[in-house]
Amino acid sequence: MAFNGDWKVCENDNFEAVLIALGVPEQHRTKMLEDKTEMNIKQVGGTFTIEERSCLRTKTSEWNVDEEFESPLADGSQVKVMKIDGQEAKRIFKKK
């Protein structure tokens, strides 16, 4: 499945509990819970380039399918993220 194009986050299951567990400050959590992050995804073969735009910042990351990579959260902490599961892109947070 090609993920190319512009996307909006429309649902975050248990997101507040995840943000609390990651230690995101309450001020940021409030903004993040109200925000609908927008993404532009470009896929070339197994390489993805994603530009994420949210109320806190804009960031670009590049990664390969089935390879974990490190990415900073808005509060500056690092997590390992992203895995493709069938036709669905999932973030798997592993705080360092």
PDB file of N, CA and C in Angstrom:
ATOM      1  N   MET A   1       0.837  -1.183   0.000  1.00  0.00           N
ATOM      2  CA  MET A   1       0.000   0.000   0.000  1.00  0.00           C
ATOM      3  C   MET A   1       0.875   1.238   0.000  1.00  0.00           C
ATOM      4  N   ALA A   2       0.579   2.191  -0.846  1.00  0.00           N
ATOM      5  CA  ALA A   2       1.316   3.447  -0.869  1.00  0.00           C
ATOM      6  C   ALA A   2       0.661   4.427   0.111  1.00  0.00           C
ATOM      7  N   PHE A   3       1.483   5.061   0.904  1.00  0.00           N
ATOM      8  CA  PHE A   3       1.002   6.022   1.890  1.00  0.00           C
ATOM      9  C   PHE A   3       1.198   7.461   1.417  1.00  0.00           C
ATOM     10  N   ASN A   4       1.662   7.656   0.183  1.00  0.00           N
ATOM     11  CA  ASN A   4       1.949   9.001  -0.315  1.00  0.00           C
ATOM     12  C   ASN A   4       0.747   9.916  -0.187  1.00  0.00           C
ATOM     13  N   GLY A   5       1.019  11.149   0.251  1.00  0.00           N
ATOM     14  CA  GLY A   5      -0.042  12.147   0.301  1.00  0.00           C
ATOM     15  C   GLY A   5      -0.110  12.859   1.630  1.00  0.00           C
ATOM     16  N   ASP A   6      -1.163  13.651   1.776  1.00  0.00           N
ATOM     17  CA  ASP A   6      -1.400  14.407   2.996  1.00  0.00           C
ATOM     18  C   ASP A   6      -2.391  13.648   3.875  1.00  0.00           C
ATOM     19  N   TRP A   7      -2.076  13.573   5.164  1.00  0.00           N
ATOM     20  CA  TRP A   7      -2.884  12.813   6.118  1.00  0.00           C
ATOM     21  C   TRP A   7      -3.138  13.660   7.352  1.00  0.00           C
ATOM     22  N   LYS A   8      -4.257  13.376   8.029  1.00  0.00           N
ATOM     23  CA  LYS A   8      -4.574  14.000   9.312  1.00  0.00           C
ATOM     24  C   LYS A   8      -4.812  12.895  10.332  1.00  0.00           C
ATOM     25  N   VAL A   9      -4.310  13.102  11.534  1.00  0.00           N
ATOM     26  CA  VAL A   9      -4.592  12.171  12.619  1.00  0.00           C
ATOM     27  C   VAL A   9      -6.039  12.397  13.033  1.00  0.00           C
ATOM     28  N   CYS A  10      -6.835  11.353  13.019  1.00  0.00           N
ATOM     29  CA  CYS A  10      -8.249  11.517  13.373  1.00  0.00           C
ATOM     30  C   CYS A  10      -8.586  10.797  14.672  1.00  0.00           C
ATOM     31  N   GLU A  11      -7.687   9.943  15.164  1.00  0.00           N
ATOM     32  CA  GLU A  11      -7.972   9.215  16.397  1.00  0.00           C
ATOM     33  C   GLU A  11      -6.668   8.826  17.079  1.00  0.00           C
ATOM     34  N   ASN A  12      -6.628   8.983  18.385  1.00  0.00           N
ATOM     35  CA  ASN A  12      -5.497   8.558  19.204  1.00  0.00           C
ATOM     36  C   ASN A  12      -6.046   7.790  20.392  1.00  0.00           C
ATOM     37  N   ASP A  13      -5.986   6.480  20.356  1.00  0.00           N
ATOM     38  CA  ASP A  13      -6.489   5.660  21.449  1.00  0.00           C
ATOM     39  C   ASP A  13      -5.553   5.738  22.644  1.00  0.00           C
ATOM     40  N   ASN A  14      -6.125   6.053  23.820  1.00  0.00           N
ATOM     41  CA  ASN A  14      -5.377   6.067  25.083  1.00  0.00           C
ATOM     42  C   ASN A  14      -4.189   7.030  25.041  1.00  0.00           C
ATOM     43  N   PHE A  15      -4.296   8.080  24.259  1.00  0.00           N
ATOM     44  CA  PHE A  15      -3.174   8.990  24.016  1.00  0.00           C
ATOM     45  C   PHE A  15      -2.730   9.728  25.278  1.00  0.00           C
ATOM     46  N   GLU A  16      -3.688  10.187  26.083  1.00  0.00           N
ATOM     47  CA  GLU A  16      -3.309  10.927  27.288  1.00  0.00           C
ATOM     48  C   GLU A  16      -2.496  10.053  28.240  1.00  0.00           C
ATOM     49  N   ALA A  17      -2.899   8.810  28.414  1.00  0.00           N
ATOM     50  CA  ALA A  17      -2.150   7.895  29.294  1.00  0.00           C
ATOM     51  C   ALA A  17      -0.730   7.668  28.772  1.00  0.00           C
ATOM     52  N   VAL A  18      -0.586   7.585  27.457  1.00  0.00           N
ATOM     53  CA  VAL A  18       0.746   7.418  26.857  1.00  0.00           C
ATOM     54  C   VAL A  18       1.596   8.653  27.120  1.00  0.00           C
ATOM     55  N   LEU A  19       1.014   9.838  26.935  1.00  0.00           N
ATOM     56  CA  LEU A  19       1.763  11.075  27.166  1.00  0.00           C
ATOM     57  C   LEU A  19       2.192  11.199  28.626  1.00  0.00           C
ATOM     58  N   ILE A  20       1.311  10.821  29.543  1.00  0.00           N
ATOM     59  CA  ILE A  20       1.657  10.856  30.962  1.00  0.00           C
ATOM     60  C   ILE A  20       2.796   9.882  31.242  1.00  0.00           C
ATOM     61  N   ALA A  21       2.701   8.657  30.715  1.00  0.00           N
ATOM     62  CA  ALA A  21       3.754   7.648  30.928  1.00  0.00           C
ATOM     63  C   ALA A  21       5.087   8.103  30.353  1.00  0.00           C
ATOM     64  N   LEU A  22       5.051   8.878  29.257  1.00  0.00           N
ATOM     65  CA  LEU A  22       6.284   9.383  28.646  1.00  0.00           C
ATOM     66  C   LEU A  22       6.817  10.616  29.366  1.00  0.00           C
ATOM     67  N   GLY A  23       6.045  11.130  30.324  1.00  0.00           N
ATOM     68  CA  GLY A  23       6.500  12.278  31.100  1.00  0.00           C
ATOM     69  C   GLY A  23       6.312  13.615  30.407  1.00  0.00           C
ATOM     70  N   VAL A  24       5.378  13.693  29.450  1.00  0.00           N
ATOM     71  CA  VAL A  24       5.130  14.950  28.755  1.00  0.00           C
ATOM     72  C   VAL A  24       4.434  15.909  29.732  1.00  0.00           C
ATOM     73  N   PRO A  25       4.949  17.132  29.871  1.00  0.00           N
ATOM     74  CA  PRO A  25       4.347  18.100  30.795  1.00  0.00           C
ATOM     75  C   PRO A  25       2.877  18.375  30.465  1.00  0.00           C
ATOM     76  N   GLU A  26       2.088  18.698  31.498  1.00  0.00           N
ATOM     77  CA  GLU A  26       0.647  18.905  31.330  1.00  0.00           C
ATOM     78  C   GLU A  26       0.323  19.973  30.294  1.00  0.00           C
ATOM     79  N   GLN A  27       1.078  21.061  30.279  1.00  0.00           N
ATOM     80  CA  GLN A  27       0.834  22.132  29.308  1.00  0.00           C
ATOM     81  C   GLN A  27       0.917  21.608  27.873  1.00  0.00           C
ATOM     82  N   HIS A  28       1.920  20.776  27.592  1.00  0.00           N
ATOM     83  CA  HIS A  28       2.060  20.195  26.255  1.00  0.00           C
ATOM     84  C   HIS A  28       0.973  19.162  25.992  1.00  0.00           C
ATOM     85  N   ARG A  29       0.651  18.351  27.011  1.00  0.00           N
ATOM     86  CA  ARG A  29      -0.387  17.323  26.833  1.00  0.00           C
ATOM     87  C   ARG A  29      -1.714  17.950  26.419  1.00  0.00           C
ATOM     88  N   THR A  30      -2.091  19.033  27.094  1.00  0.00           N
ATOM     89  CA  THR A  30      -3.358  19.697  26.779  1.00  0.00           C
ATOM     90  C   THR A  30      -3.394  20.112  25.318  1.00  0.00           C
ATOM     91  N   LYS A  31      -2.333  20.725  24.842  1.00  0.00           N
ATOM     92  CA  LYS A  31      -2.263  21.144  23.437  1.00  0.00           C
ATOM     93  C   LYS A  31      -2.290  19.941  22.499  1.00  0.00           C
ATOM     94  N   MET A  32      -1.533  18.904  22.866  1.00  0.00           N
ATOM     95  CA  MET A  32      -1.431  17.729  22.007  1.00  0.00           C
ATOM     96  C   MET A  32      -2.763  16.981  21.908  1.00  0.00           C
ATOM     97  N   LEU A  33      -3.524  16.947  22.996  1.00  0.00           N
ATOM     98  CA  LEU A  33      -4.811  16.253  22.980  1.00  0.00           C
ATOM     99  C   LEU A  33      -5.835  16.965  22.100  1.00  0.00           C
ATOM    100  N   GLU A  34      -5.721  18.281  21.992  1.00  0.00           N
ATOM    101  CA  GLU A  34      -6.639  19.064  21.162  1.00  0.00           C
ATOM    102  C   GLU A  34      -6.188  19.143  19.708  1.00  0.00           C
ATOM    103  N   ASP A  35      -4.919  18.869  19.466  1.00  0.00           N
ATOM    104  CA  ASP A  35      -4.328  19.042  18.145  1.00  0.00           C
ATOM    105  C   ASP A  35      -4.700  17.895  17.206  1.00  0.00           C
ATOM    106  N   LYS A  36      -4.827  18.203  15.956  1.00  0.00           N
ATOM    107  CA  LYS A  36      -4.987  17.204  14.902  1.00  0.00           C
ATOM    108  C   LYS A  36      -3.764  17.302  13.991  1.00  0.00           C
ATOM    109  N   THR A  37      -2.755  16.538  14.317  1.00  0.00           N
ATOM    110  CA  THR A  37      -1.507  16.556  13.565  1.00  0.00           C
ATOM    111  C   THR A  37      -1.770  16.247  12.094  1.00  0.00           C
ATOM    112  N   GLU A  38      -1.097  16.984  11.235  1.00  0.00           N
ATOM    113  CA  GLU A  38      -1.159  16.751   9.796  1.00  0.00           C
ATOM    114  C   GLU A  38       0.193  16.220   9.342  1.00  0.00           C
ATOM    115  N   MET A  39       0.176  15.311   8.379  1.00  0.00           N
ATOM    116  CA  MET A  39       1.407  14.717   7.874  1.00  0.00           C
ATOM    117  C   MET A  39       1.413  14.711   6.359  1.00  0.00           C
ATOM    118  N   ASN A  40       2.600  14.893   5.807  1.00  0.00           N
ATOM    119  CA  ASN A  40       2.821  14.664   4.395  1.00  0.00           C
ATOM    120  C   ASN A  40       3.774  13.494   4.314  1.00  0.00           C
ATOM    121  N   ILE A  41       3.342  12.437   3.659  1.00  0.00           N
ATOM    122  CA  ILE A  41       4.141  11.213   3.581  1.00  0.00           C
ATOM    123  C   ILE A  41       4.570  10.981   2.142  1.00  0.00           C
ATOM    124  N   LYS A  42       5.857  10.711   1.982  1.00  0.00           N
ATOM    125  CA  LYS A  42       6.409  10.336   0.674  1.00  0.00           C
ATOM    126  C   LYS A  42       7.085   8.984   0.852  1.00  0.00           C
ATOM    127  N   GLN A  43       6.660   8.022   0.050  1.00  0.00           N
ATOM    128  CA  GLN A  43       7.230   6.684   0.095  1.00  0.00           C
ATOM    129  C   GLN A  43       7.902   6.377  -1.231  1.00  0.00           C
ATOM    130  N   VAL A  44       9.186   6.012  -1.166  1.00  0.00           N
ATOM    131  CA  VAL A  44       9.927   5.562  -2.336  1.00  0.00           C
ATOM    132  C   VAL A  44      10.497   4.203  -1.973  1.00  0.00           C
ATOM    133  N   GLY A  45       9.940   3.147  -2.550  1.00  0.00           N
ATOM    134  CA  GLY A  45      10.343   1.801  -2.161  1.00  0.00           C
ATOM    135  C   GLY A  45      10.035   1.594  -0.684  1.00  0.00           C
ATOM    136  N   GLY A  46      11.042   1.180   0.082  1.00  0.00           N
ATOM    137  CA  GLY A  46      10.871   0.960   1.506  1.00  0.00           C
ATOM    138  C   GLY A  46      11.273   2.143   2.361  1.00  0.00           C
ATOM    139  N   THR A  47      11.528   3.293   1.739  1.00  0.00           N
ATOM    140  CA  THR A  47      11.946   4.480   2.482  1.00  0.00           C
ATOM    141  C   THR A  47      10.802   5.486   2.559  1.00  0.00           C
ATOM    142  N   PHE A  48      10.537   5.947   3.772  1.00  0.00           N
ATOM    143  CA  PHE A  48       9.489   6.934   4.014  1.00  0.00           C
ATOM    144  C   PHE A  48      10.111   8.244   4.457  1.00  0.00           C
ATOM    145  N   THR A  49       9.587   9.351   3.961  1.00  0.00           N
ATOM    146  CA  THR A  49       9.912  10.682   4.464  1.00  0.00           C
ATOM    147  C   THR A  49       8.592  11.275   4.935  1.00  0.00           C
ATOM    148  N   ILE A  50       8.565  11.675   6.208  1.00  0.00           N
ATOM    149  CA  ILE A  50       7.332  12.195   6.790  1.00  0.00           C
ATOM    150  C   ILE A  50       7.576  13.568   7.379  1.00  0.00           C
ATOM    151  N   GLU A  51       6.761  14.535   6.949  1.00  0.00           N
ATOM    152  CA  GLU A  51       6.763  15.852   7.565  1.00  0.00           C
ATOM    153  C   GLU A  51       5.513  15.920   8.432  1.00  0.00           C
ATOM    154  N   GLU A  52       5.708  16.103   9.747  1.00  0.00           N
ATOM    155  CA  GLU A  52       4.597  16.206  10.691  1.00  0.00           C
ATOM    156  C   GLU A  52       4.439  17.653  11.108  1.00  0.00           C
ATOM    157  N   ARG A  53       3.202  18.148  11.031  1.00  0.00           N
ATOM    158  CA  ARG A  53       2.894  19.520  11.432  1.00  0.00           C
ATOM    159  C   ARG A  53       1.862  19.470  12.544  1.00  0.00           C
ATOM    160  N   SER A  54       2.232  20.040  13.705  1.00  0.00           N
ATOM    161  CA  SER A  54       1.312  20.079  14.840  1.00  0.00           C
ATOM    162  C   SER A  54       1.347  21.466  15.466  1.00  0.00           C
ATOM    163  N   CYS A  55       0.562  21.634  16.527  1.00  0.00           N
ATOM    164  CA  CYS A  55       0.526  22.929  17.211  1.00  0.00           C
ATOM    165  C   CYS A  55       1.842  23.220  17.918  1.00  0.00           C
ATOM    166  N   LEU A  56       2.652  22.210  18.187  1.00  0.00           N
ATOM    167  CA  LEU A  56       3.907  22.403  18.914  1.00  0.00           C
ATOM    168  C   LEU A  56       5.109  22.614  18.008  1.00  0.00           C
ATOM    169  N   ARG A  57       5.087  21.980  16.818  1.00  0.00           N
ATOM    170  CA  ARG A  57       6.260  22.088  15.939  1.00  0.00           C
ATOM    171  C   ARG A  57       6.003  21.406  14.609  1.00  0.00           C
ATOM    172  N   THR A  58       6.970  21.580  13.721  1.00  0.00           N
ATOM    173  CA  THR A  58       7.004  20.848  12.457  1.00  0.00           C
ATOM    174  C   THR A  58       8.329  20.098  12.419  1.00  0.00           C
ATOM    175  N   LYS A  59       8.272  18.822  12.067  1.00  0.00           N
ATOM    176  CA  LYS A  59       9.520  18.059  11.975  1.00  0.00           C
ATOM    177  C   LYS A  59       9.446  17.103  10.800  1.00  0.00           C
ATOM    178  N   THR A  60      10.616  16.777  10.277  1.00  0.00           N
ATOM    179  CA  THR A  60      10.725  15.839   9.166  1.00  0.00           C
ATOM    180  C   THR A  60      11.600  14.675   9.599  1.00  0.00           C
ATOM    181  N   SER A  61      11.168  13.472   9.258  1.00  0.00           N
ATOM    182  CA  SER A  61      11.963  12.282   9.558  1.00  0.00           C
ATOM    183  C   SER A  61      11.987  11.374   8.334  1.00  0.00           C
ATOM    184  N   GLU A  62      13.041  10.588   8.240  1.00  0.00           N
ATOM    185  CA  GLU A  62      13.174   9.626   7.155  1.00  0.00           C
ATOM    186  C   GLU A  62      13.565   8.296   7.763  1.00  0.00           C
ATOM    187  N   TRP A  63      12.911   7.227   7.330  1.00  0.00           N
ATOM    188  CA  TRP A  63      13.182   5.909   7.894  1.00  0.00           C
ATOM    189  C   TRP A  63      12.813   4.828   6.894  1.00  0.00           C
ATOM    190  N   ASN A  64      13.272   3.623   7.171  1.00  0.00           N
ATOM    191  CA  ASN A  64      13.027   2.472   6.303  1.00  0.00           C
ATOM    192  C   ASN A  64      12.073   1.493   6.978  1.00  0.00           C
ATOM    193  N   VAL A  65      11.270   0.826   6.171  1.00  0.00           N
ATOM    194  CA  VAL A  65      10.303  -0.144   6.663  1.00  0.00           C
ATOM    195  C   VAL A  65      10.997  -1.188   7.546  1.00  0.00           C
ATOM    196  N   ASP A  66      10.345  -1.526   8.640  1.00  0.00           N
ATOM    197  CA  ASP A  66      10.790  -2.552   9.589  1.00  0.00           C
ATOM    198  C   ASP A  66      12.122  -2.234  10.264  1.00  0.00           C
ATOM    199  N   GLU A  67      12.540  -0.985  10.239  1.00  0.00           N
ATOM    200  CA  GLU A  67      13.723  -0.565  10.981  1.00  0.00           C
ATOM    201  C   GLU A  67      13.291   0.483  11.993  1.00  0.00           C
ATOM    202  N   GLU A  68      13.553   0.215  13.286  1.00  0.00           N
ATOM    203  CA  GLU A  68      13.263   1.220  14.289  1.00  0.00           C
ATOM    204  C   GLU A  68      14.210   2.390  14.095  1.00  0.00           C
ATOM    205  N   PHE A  69      13.742   3.568  14.458  1.00  0.00           N
ATOM    206  CA  PHE A  69      14.623   4.724  14.410  1.00  0.00           C
ATOM    207  C   PHE A  69      14.291   5.621  15.583  1.00  0.00           C
ATOM    208  N   GLU A  70      15.244   6.438  15.973  1.00  0.00           N
ATOM    209  CA  GLU A  70      15.048   7.349  17.090  1.00  0.00           C
ATOM    210  C   GLU A  70      14.461   8.656  16.587  1.00  0.00           C
ATOM    211  N   SER A  71      13.567   9.208  17.398  1.00  0.00           N
ATOM    212  CA  SER A  71      12.917  10.460  17.051  1.00  0.00           C
ATOM    213  C   SER A  71      12.655  11.244  18.329  1.00  0.00           C
ATOM    214  N   PRO A  72      12.872  12.558  18.296  1.00  0.00           N
ATOM    215  CA  PRO A  72      12.604  13.347  19.503  1.00  0.00           C
ATOM    216  C   PRO A  72      11.119  13.663  19.647  1.00  0.00           C
ATOM    217  N   LEU A  73      10.640  13.660  20.885  1.00  0.00           N
ATOM    218  CA  LEU A  73       9.295  14.141  21.182  1.00  0.00           C
ATOM    219  C   LEU A  73       9.354  15.655  21.324  1.00  0.00           C
ATOM    220  N   ALA A  74       8.199  16.276  21.439  1.00  0.00           N
ATOM    221  CA  ALA A  74       8.142  17.731  21.558  1.00  0.00           C
ATOM    222  C   ALA A  74       8.871  18.235  22.799  1.00  0.00           C
ATOM    223  N   ASP A  75       8.954  17.396  23.850  1.00  0.00           N
ATOM    224  CA  ASP A  75       9.641  17.827  25.073  1.00  0.00           C
ATOM    225  C   ASP A  75      11.142  17.569  25.024  1.00  0.00           C
ATOM    226  N   GLY A  76      11.641  17.044  23.881  1.00  0.00           N
ATOM    227  CA  GLY A  76      13.067  16.821  23.713  1.00  0.00           C
ATOM    228  C   GLY A  76      13.542  15.416  24.043  1.00  0.00           C
ATOM    229  N   SER A  77      12.701  14.591  24.690  1.00  0.00           N
ATOM    230  CA  SER A  77      13.116  13.225  24.981  1.00  0.00           C
ATOM    231  C   SER A  77      13.111  12.396  23.698  1.00  0.00           C
ATOM    232  N   GLN A  78      13.875  11.329  23.690  1.00  0.00           N
ATOM    233  CA  GLN A  78      14.013  10.480  22.502  1.00  0.00           C
ATOM    234  C   GLN A  78      13.182   9.210  22.661  1.00  0.00           C
ATOM    235  N   VAL A  79      12.570   8.770  21.574  1.00  0.00           N
ATOM    236  CA  VAL A  79      11.863   7.496  21.549  1.00  0.00           C
ATOM    237  C   VAL A  79      12.251   6.744  20.287  1.00  0.00           C
ATOM    238  N   LYS A  80      12.077   5.434  20.338  1.00  0.00           N
ATOM    239  CA  LYS A  80      12.223   4.628  19.135  1.00  0.00           C
ATOM    240  C   LYS A  80      10.823   4.413  18.597  1.00  0.00           C
ATOM    241  N   VAL A  81      10.664   4.605  17.299  1.00  0.00           N
ATOM    242  CA  VAL A  81       9.310   4.589  16.745  1.00  0.00           C
ATOM    243  C   VAL A  81       9.197   3.911  15.385  1.00  0.00           C
ATOM    244  N   MET A  82       7.986   3.589  15.029  1.00  0.00           N
ATOM    245  CA  MET A  82       7.447   3.238  13.730  1.00  0.00           C
ATOM    246  C   MET A  82       7.703   1.798  13.308  1.00  0.00           C
ATOM    247  N   LYS A  83       6.645   1.215  12.864  1.00  0.00           N
ATOM    248  CA  LYS A  83       6.669  -0.119  12.293  1.00  0.00           C
ATOM    249  C   LYS A  83       5.496  -0.222  11.336  1.00  0.00           C
ATOM    250  N   ILE A  84       5.686  -0.900  10.236  1.00  0.00           N
ATOM    251  CA  ILE A  84       4.586  -1.148   9.310  1.00  0.00           C
ATOM    252  C   ILE A  84       4.038  -2.531   9.624  1.00  0.00           C
ATOM    253  N   ASP A  85       2.732  -2.603   9.842  1.00  0.00           N
ATOM    254  CA  ASP A  85       2.066  -3.855  10.168  1.00  0.00           C
ATOM    255  C   ASP A  85       0.995  -4.081   9.110  1.00  0.00           C
ATOM    256  N   GLY A  86       1.307  -4.874   8.113  1.00  0.00           N
ATOM    257  CA  GLY A  86       0.365  -5.074   7.019  1.00  0.00           C
ATOM    258  C   GLY A  86       0.180  -3.790   6.245  1.00  0.00           C
ATOM    259  N   GLN A  87      -1.020  -3.252   6.236  1.00  0.00           N
ATOM    260  CA  GLN A  87      -1.297  -2.015   5.526  1.00  0.00           C
ATOM    261  C   GLN A  87      -1.496  -0.851   6.483  1.00  0.00           C
ATOM    262  N   GLU A  88      -1.004  -0.981   7.708  1.00  0.00           N
ATOM    263  CA  GLU A  88      -1.216   0.042   8.716  1.00  0.00           C
ATOM    264  C   GLU A  88       0.130   0.498   9.288  1.00  0.00           C
ATOM    265  N   ALA A  89       0.313   1.806   9.393  1.00  0.00           N
ATOM    266  CA  ALA A  89       1.524   2.356  10.005  1.00  0.00           C
ATOM    267  C   ALA A  89       1.248   2.562  11.483  1.00  0.00           C
ATOM    268  N   LYS A  90       2.107   2.028  12.329  1.00  0.00           N
ATOM    269  CA  LYS A  90       1.923   2.144  13.770  1.00  0.00           C
ATOM    270  C   LYS A  90       3.177   2.728  14.400  1.00  0.00           C
ATOM    271  N   ARG A  91       2.985   3.528  15.428  1.00  0.00           N
ATOM    272  CA  ARG A  91       4.093   4.020  16.220  1.00  0.00           C
ATOM    273  C   ARG A  91       4.208   3.163  17.469  1.00  0.00           C
ATOM    274  N   ILE A  92       5.389   2.717  17.715  1.00  0.00           N
ATOM    275  CA  ILE A  92       5.648   1.944  18.920  1.00  0.00           C
ATOM    276  C   ILE A  92       6.625   2.758  19.733  1.00  0.00           C
ATOM    277  N   PHE A  93       6.174   3.314  20.863  1.00  0.00           N
ATOM    278  CA  PHE A  93       7.002   4.185  21.671  1.00  0.00           C
ATOM    279  C   PHE A  93       7.801   3.372  22.678  1.00  0.00           C
ATOM    280  N   LYS A  94       9.091   3.567  22.670  1.00  0.00           N
ATOM    281  CA  LYS A  94       9.994   2.951  23.634  1.00  0.00           C
ATOM    282  C   LYS A  94      10.895   4.047  24.161  1.00  0.00           C
ATOM    283  N   LYS A  95      10.508   4.660  25.271  1.00  0.00           N
ATOM    284  CA  LYS A  95      11.268   5.784  25.791  1.00  0.00           C
ATOM    285  C   LYS A  95      12.629   5.310  26.266  1.00  0.00           C
ATOM    286  N   LYS A  96      13.644   6.094  25.916  1.00  0.00           N
ATOM    287  CA  LYS A  96      15.012   5.767  26.331  1.00  0.00           C
ATOM    288  C   LYS A  96      15.302   6.339  27.672  1.00  0.00           C
TER     289      LYS A  96
END
